Protein backbone atom coordinates (compact mmCIF):
# COMPACT_ATOMS: atom_id res chain seq x y z
CA UNK A 1 0.00 0.00 0.00
CA UNK A 2 1.52 3.30 -1.00
CA UNK A 3 2.11 6.32 1.19
CA UNK A 4 -0.79 8.71 1.68
CA UNK A 5 -0.14 12.42 1.82
CA UNK A 6 -2.69 14.78 3.27
CA UNK A 7 -2.91 18.23 1.77
CA UNK A 8 -4.66 21.09 3.57
CA UNK A 9 -5.85 24.07 1.60
CA UNK A 10 -5.59 27.29 3.62
CA UNK A 11 -7.11 30.54 2.45
CA UNK A 12 -4.65 33.20 1.37
CA UNK A 13 -5.92 35.73 3.95
CA UNK A 14 -5.24 33.31 6.84
CA UNK A 15 -1.71 32.67 5.61
CA UNK A 16 -1.02 36.41 5.53
CA UNK A 17 -2.36 36.82 9.08
CA UNK A 18 -0.17 33.96 10.39
CA UNK A 19 2.88 35.40 8.66
CA UNK A 20 2.20 38.86 10.09
CA UNK A 21 1.73 37.46 13.62
CA UNK A 22 5.00 35.53 13.36
CA UNK A 23 6.84 38.66 12.18
CA UNK A 24 5.43 40.70 15.08
CA UNK A 25 6.43 38.04 17.61
CA UNK A 26 9.95 37.84 16.17
CA UNK A 27 10.26 41.64 16.22
CA UNK A 28 9.11 41.78 19.85
CA UNK A 29 11.70 39.18 20.89
CA UNK A 30 14.46 41.06 19.07
CA UNK A 31 13.43 44.31 20.70
CA UNK A 32 13.56 42.72 24.17
CA UNK A 33 17.01 41.30 23.43
CA UNK A 34 18.28 44.67 22.18
CA UNK A 35 17.01 46.36 25.37
CA UNK A 36 18.29 43.64 27.68
CA UNK A 37 21.83 43.40 26.30
CA UNK A 38 22.87 47.06 26.81
CA UNK A 39 21.40 47.03 30.34
CA UNK A 40 23.32 43.84 31.10
CA UNK A 41 26.50 45.38 29.71
CA UNK A 42 26.04 48.45 31.92
CA UNK A 43 25.63 46.32 35.04
CA UNK A 44 28.78 44.38 34.18
CA UNK A 45 30.84 47.48 33.39
CA UNK A 46 33.74 48.77 35.47
CA UNK A 47 31.86 52.00 36.10
CA UNK A 48 28.93 50.12 37.67
CA UNK A 49 31.29 48.30 40.04
CA UNK A 50 32.92 51.60 41.03
CA UNK A 51 29.54 53.22 41.66
CA UNK A 52 28.49 50.27 43.81
CA UNK A 53 31.80 50.35 45.70
CA UNK A 54 31.24 54.04 46.45
CA UNK A 55 27.69 53.42 47.65
CA UNK A 56 28.70 50.59 49.99
CA UNK A 57 31.67 52.55 51.32
CA UNK A 58 29.47 55.58 51.98
CA UNK A 59 26.82 53.57 53.82
CA UNK A 60 29.30 51.75 56.05
CA UNK A 61 31.30 54.88 56.85
CA UNK A 62 28.21 56.95 57.63
CA UNK A 63 26.77 54.32 59.96
CA UNK A 64 29.99 54.17 61.97
CA UNK A 65 30.79 57.90 62.16
CA UNK A 66 27.30 59.48 62.38
CA UNK A 67 27.76 60.71 66.01
CA UNK A 68 30.85 62.72 65.04
CA UNK A 69 28.90 64.40 62.23
CA UNK A 70 26.09 65.36 64.63
CA UNK A 71 28.52 66.93 67.13
CA UNK A 72 30.44 68.74 64.38
CA UNK A 73 27.33 70.24 62.78
CA UNK A 74 26.00 71.57 66.09
CA UNK A 75 29.34 73.18 66.92
CA UNK A 76 29.74 74.76 63.47
CA UNK A 77 26.35 76.50 63.60
CA UNK A 78 26.70 77.49 67.27
CA UNK A 79 24.02 75.23 68.74
CA UNK A 80 24.70 74.14 72.32
CA UNK A 81 28.13 73.69 73.92
CA UNK A 82 31.29 75.06 72.27
CA UNK A 83 33.50 72.06 72.98
CA UNK A 84 33.39 68.50 71.68
CA UNK A 85 32.90 66.72 75.01
CA UNK A 86 30.28 69.19 76.24
CA UNK A 87 28.31 68.95 73.00
CA UNK A 88 28.44 65.15 73.15
CA UNK A 89 27.13 65.07 76.75
CA UNK A 90 24.46 67.67 75.97
CA UNK A 91 23.08 65.63 73.07
CA UNK A 92 22.90 62.47 75.20
CA UNK A 93 21.18 64.31 78.10
CA UNK A 94 18.61 66.03 75.89
CA UNK A 95 17.87 63.36 73.30
CA UNK A 96 19.40 60.14 74.63
CA UNK A 97 21.90 57.99 72.79
CA UNK A 98 19.65 57.99 69.74
CA UNK A 99 20.22 61.73 69.48
CA UNK A 100 23.76 61.06 68.28
CA UNK A 101 22.20 59.49 65.18
CA UNK A 102 19.63 62.29 64.73
CA UNK A 103 18.77 62.62 61.07
CA UNK A 104 20.87 59.58 60.20
CA UNK A 105 18.09 58.04 58.11
CA UNK A 106 17.96 60.95 55.69
CA UNK A 107 21.74 61.25 55.81
CA UNK A 108 22.04 57.61 54.77
CA UNK A 109 19.62 58.20 51.91
CA UNK A 110 21.73 61.20 50.94
CA UNK A 111 25.23 59.82 51.39
CA UNK A 112 24.78 56.46 49.63
CA UNK A 113 23.85 57.83 46.17
CA UNK A 114 26.06 60.88 46.68
CA UNK A 115 29.14 58.83 47.51
CA UNK A 116 28.42 56.47 44.64
CA UNK A 117 28.09 59.34 42.17
CA UNK A 118 31.08 61.22 43.57
CA UNK A 119 33.57 58.34 43.52
CA UNK A 120 32.18 56.95 40.27
CA UNK A 121 32.47 60.37 38.62
CA UNK A 122 35.99 60.81 39.94
CA UNK A 123 37.19 57.49 38.52
CA UNK A 124 35.43 57.98 35.18
CA UNK A 125 36.62 61.57 34.63
CA UNK A 126 40.17 60.69 35.73
CA UNK A 127 40.37 57.86 33.19
CA UNK A 128 38.83 59.99 30.45
CA UNK A 129 41.12 62.97 31.08
CA UNK A 130 44.21 60.74 31.26
CA UNK A 131 43.27 59.09 27.96
CA UNK A 132 42.60 62.44 26.29
CA UNK A 133 45.88 63.82 27.57
CA UNK A 134 47.82 60.80 26.27
CA UNK A 135 46.14 60.96 22.85
CA UNK A 136 46.71 64.72 22.68
CA UNK A 137 50.41 64.33 23.47
CA UNK A 138 50.83 61.69 20.77
CA UNK A 139 49.41 63.93 18.06
CA UNK A 140 50.45 67.36 16.87
CA UNK A 141 48.98 70.10 19.04
CA UNK A 142 46.59 72.53 17.32
CA UNK A 143 48.21 75.91 16.72
CA UNK A 144 46.76 79.37 16.30
CA UNK A 145 48.71 81.87 14.21
CA UNK A 146 48.15 85.54 15.05
CA UNK A 147 50.55 87.61 12.95
CA UNK A 148 54.05 86.64 13.97
CA UNK A 149 52.81 84.94 17.15
CA UNK A 150 52.10 81.21 17.12
CA UNK A 151 50.04 79.80 19.99
CA UNK A 152 50.18 76.06 20.67
CA UNK A 153 47.41 74.44 22.71
CA UNK A 154 48.30 71.67 25.13
CA UNK A 155 46.58 69.70 27.87
CA UNK A 156 49.82 68.79 29.62
CA UNK A 157 49.36 71.54 32.21
CA UNK A 158 46.01 70.08 33.34
CA UNK A 159 45.95 67.53 36.14
CA UNK A 160 43.48 64.69 35.39
CA UNK A 161 43.15 64.05 39.13
CA UNK A 162 42.39 67.71 39.93
CA UNK A 163 39.86 67.92 37.09
CA UNK A 164 38.25 64.68 38.22
CA UNK A 165 38.10 65.91 41.81
CA UNK A 166 36.43 69.16 40.75
CA UNK A 167 33.90 67.27 38.61
CA UNK A 168 33.18 64.84 41.44
CA UNK A 169 32.54 67.71 43.86
CA UNK A 170 30.17 69.51 41.51
CA UNK A 171 28.17 66.40 40.63
CA UNK A 172 27.90 65.25 44.25
CA UNK A 173 26.75 68.72 45.35
CA UNK A 174 24.01 68.67 42.72
CA UNK A 175 22.90 65.23 43.91
CA UNK A 176 22.91 66.16 47.61
CA UNK A 177 19.70 67.45 49.23
CA UNK A 178 19.96 69.85 52.21
CA UNK A 179 21.21 68.46 55.54
CA UNK A 180 18.71 70.13 57.87
CA UNK A 181 17.80 67.33 60.27
CA UNK A 182 21.07 67.53 62.21
CA UNK A 183 20.80 71.31 62.64
CA UNK A 184 17.20 71.61 63.86
CA UNK A 185 15.83 68.14 64.67
CA UNK A 186 12.83 69.72 66.43
CA UNK A 187 11.76 71.21 63.08
CA UNK A 188 12.15 67.93 61.22
CA UNK A 189 11.72 65.02 63.69
CA UNK A 190 11.40 62.43 60.90
CA UNK A 191 12.17 61.95 57.23
CA UNK A 192 8.53 62.03 56.11
CA UNK A 193 7.80 65.24 58.04
CA UNK A 194 10.95 66.84 56.65
CA UNK A 195 10.03 66.03 53.04
CA UNK A 196 6.45 67.28 53.49
CA UNK A 197 7.47 70.51 55.24
CA UNK A 198 10.25 71.39 52.81
CA UNK A 199 8.06 70.68 49.79
CA UNK A 200 5.12 72.60 51.27
CA UNK A 201 7.26 75.63 52.05
CA UNK A 202 9.01 75.94 48.71
CA UNK A 203 8.26 73.08 46.34
CA UNK A 204 10.96 71.05 44.61
CA UNK A 205 13.31 74.04 44.52
CA UNK A 206 13.40 74.17 48.32
CA UNK A 207 15.29 70.87 48.41
CA UNK A 208 18.16 72.63 46.63
CA UNK A 209 18.03 76.01 48.34
CA UNK A 210 21.54 77.29 48.92
CA UNK A 211 23.02 75.18 46.11
CA UNK A 212 25.33 78.00 44.94
CA UNK A 213 27.14 78.37 48.31
CA UNK A 214 27.35 74.58 48.45
CA UNK A 215 29.02 74.48 45.04
CA UNK A 216 31.40 77.30 45.98
CA UNK A 217 32.46 75.47 49.12
CA UNK A 218 32.57 72.01 47.55
CA UNK A 219 34.74 72.86 44.54
CA UNK A 220 38.01 73.74 46.37
CA UNK A 221 37.43 71.03 48.98
CA UNK A 222 36.82 68.24 46.50
CA UNK A 223 39.62 69.30 44.15
CA UNK A 224 42.17 69.48 46.98
CA UNK A 225 40.93 66.30 48.66
CA UNK A 226 41.29 63.99 45.67
CA UNK A 227 44.44 65.67 44.38
CA UNK A 228 46.16 65.31 47.77
CA UNK A 229 45.16 61.67 48.21
CA UNK A 230 46.17 60.54 44.72
CA UNK A 231 49.43 62.52 44.81
CA UNK A 232 50.44 61.19 48.22
CA UNK A 233 49.42 57.64 47.29
CA UNK A 234 51.41 57.63 44.04
CA UNK A 235 54.45 59.28 45.65
CA UNK A 236 54.39 56.86 48.59
CA UNK A 237 54.05 53.79 46.37
CA UNK A 238 56.86 55.06 44.11
CA UNK A 239 59.16 55.72 47.06
CA UNK A 240 58.44 52.32 48.62
CA UNK A 241 58.48 50.55 45.21
CA UNK A 242 55.06 48.97 45.78
CA UNK A 243 51.88 48.77 43.72
CA UNK A 244 49.26 49.49 46.38
CA UNK A 245 48.76 50.78 49.91
CA UNK A 246 48.00 48.75 52.99
CA UNK A 247 44.76 49.48 54.87
CA UNK A 248 46.66 51.37 57.57
CA UNK A 249 48.38 53.52 54.94
CA UNK A 250 45.03 54.26 53.27
CA UNK A 251 43.64 55.35 56.62
CA UNK A 252 46.60 57.68 57.24
CA UNK A 253 46.77 59.23 53.77
CA UNK A 254 43.00 59.56 53.58
CA UNK A 255 42.94 61.34 56.95
CA UNK A 256 45.75 63.72 55.90
CA UNK A 257 44.06 64.57 52.60
CA UNK A 258 40.77 65.20 54.39
CA UNK A 259 42.50 67.40 56.96
CA UNK A 260 44.21 69.51 54.28
CA UNK A 261 41.08 69.94 52.17
CA UNK A 262 38.93 70.76 55.19
CA UNK A 263 41.38 73.35 56.51
CA UNK A 264 41.52 75.15 53.15
CA UNK A 265 37.77 75.22 52.57
CA UNK A 266 36.53 75.48 56.16
CA UNK A 267 35.61 79.21 56.14
CA UNK A 268 33.35 78.55 53.15
CA UNK A 269 31.73 75.70 55.07
CA UNK A 270 31.08 78.00 58.05
CA UNK A 271 29.47 80.57 55.73
CA UNK A 272 27.33 77.90 54.07
CA UNK A 273 26.06 76.60 57.42
CA UNK A 274 25.29 80.14 58.55
CA UNK A 275 23.26 80.75 55.40
CA UNK A 276 21.34 77.52 55.96
CA UNK A 277 20.56 78.24 59.62
CA UNK A 278 19.73 81.88 58.80
CA UNK A 279 17.20 80.71 56.22
CA UNK A 280 15.52 78.49 58.84
CA UNK A 281 15.41 81.37 61.34
CA UNK A 282 14.24 83.98 58.83
CA UNK A 283 17.36 86.19 59.03
CA UNK A 284 19.56 84.87 56.24
CA UNK A 285 22.50 86.96 54.96
CA UNK A 286 22.03 87.89 51.28
CA UNK A 287 25.03 85.93 50.01
CA UNK A 288 28.16 84.03 51.08
CA UNK A 289 30.40 87.11 51.18
CA UNK A 290 27.93 88.77 53.56
CA UNK A 291 27.90 85.66 55.75
CA UNK A 292 31.71 85.64 55.92
CA UNK A 293 31.73 89.37 56.73
CA UNK A 294 29.16 88.85 59.48
CA UNK A 295 31.23 86.09 61.08
CA UNK A 296 34.42 88.19 61.02
CA UNK A 297 32.58 91.24 62.39
CA UNK A 298 30.99 89.36 65.28
CA UNK A 299 33.69 86.83 66.14
CA UNK A 300 36.86 87.95 64.40
CA UNK A 301 39.05 85.88 62.10
CA UNK A 302 38.93 83.01 64.60
CA UNK A 303 35.21 82.77 63.95
CA UNK A 304 35.92 81.47 60.45
CA UNK A 305 37.47 78.39 62.06
CA UNK A 306 35.01 77.94 64.88
CA UNK A 307 34.32 74.24 65.22
CA UNK A 308 37.38 73.37 63.10
CA UNK A 309 38.59 70.85 65.70
CA UNK A 310 35.20 69.14 65.69
CA UNK A 311 35.26 69.17 61.90
CA UNK A 312 38.67 67.50 61.86
CA UNK A 313 37.38 64.98 64.39
CA UNK A 314 34.78 63.97 61.83
CA UNK A 315 36.57 64.61 58.52
CA UNK A 316 39.83 62.79 59.25
CA UNK A 317 38.39 59.41 60.29
CA UNK A 318 35.63 59.76 57.70
CA UNK A 319 38.15 60.28 54.89
CA UNK A 320 40.42 57.49 56.01
CA UNK A 321 37.65 54.97 56.65
CA UNK A 322 35.94 55.84 53.36
CA UNK A 323 39.07 55.04 51.36
CA UNK A 324 39.56 51.77 53.24
CA UNK A 325 36.00 50.59 52.49
CA UNK A 326 36.06 51.92 48.92
CA UNK A 327 39.34 50.27 47.98
CA UNK A 328 38.27 47.05 49.71
CA UNK A 329 34.99 46.85 47.79
CA UNK A 330 36.77 47.73 44.56
CA UNK A 331 39.21 44.89 45.14
CA UNK A 332 36.28 42.50 45.60
CA UNK A 333 34.08 43.69 42.74
CA UNK A 334 36.85 44.27 40.22
CA UNK A 335 38.87 41.16 41.11
CA UNK A 336 37.53 39.17 38.14
CA UNK A 337 38.73 41.87 35.74
CA UNK A 338 42.35 41.49 36.73
CA UNK A 339 44.52 39.35 34.48
CA UNK A 340 45.68 36.09 36.05
């Protein structure tokens, strides 16, 4: 008995519909793949690992050193006792031990993305500037001829680390909402109340009130901070003929770089805090120069460094511990990228 073949006759319209449905399904799958692959590549990139390292380092450092930040802020703005020990005891007596972590919830929400963006921006801009500088030096520099004068443009005088530090400071300042909970916790007893009150009083713009003084104070601090740390790290490793620092050396160099940057920019920080507190009390100086002049007039030159010791008490361990955690997380997350 021979083979029997069954033939089905399908209308032309149905064939066209099936073909169209198959094409749409195939297009949808391709679109999902195209969207998924770039996102996967971003998550696996070096930049993503550096951002995550910065976030984890910021969270761990902030949780450990929050009491020092609370004491420092109160002393800078002139709230309570004028010495570190007295301010510490006063906070515990008035608010209990939890008072040392006043506003820490919003500070954690602020510092984690801010630290991630700041350190990630620093690393990215430093690599980009170094690459541009190397490529520029390998090619002929553009020249501008004005009569008998020939001007040659060069990027050799720019420091990639300093440029990266400045960029990191600007970006982090733009990402950082105001730190009001530690100054007047009675005004903002919780995160939800703070968000509602600030938004009700001034809308979205109120979250970034005083951004210009913040940028003015952040730029020299951030530039000096990263430049000092990278310069000292590279010089130390070169002198000791080693590739990396130990944790103790990171702590020391980080603390020294934080101390230097804080000392240089501290008067601007005092003026910024005065502007912030003045805005809360309804008697804000018109600008940063006026705030600096007011401090000098009322307290003399020493007033520009009032609370400097408390600031160093917070900045030095914060800087050192941050670098320890950041480098440690980078070692873990970027370990698979290193050649064997």
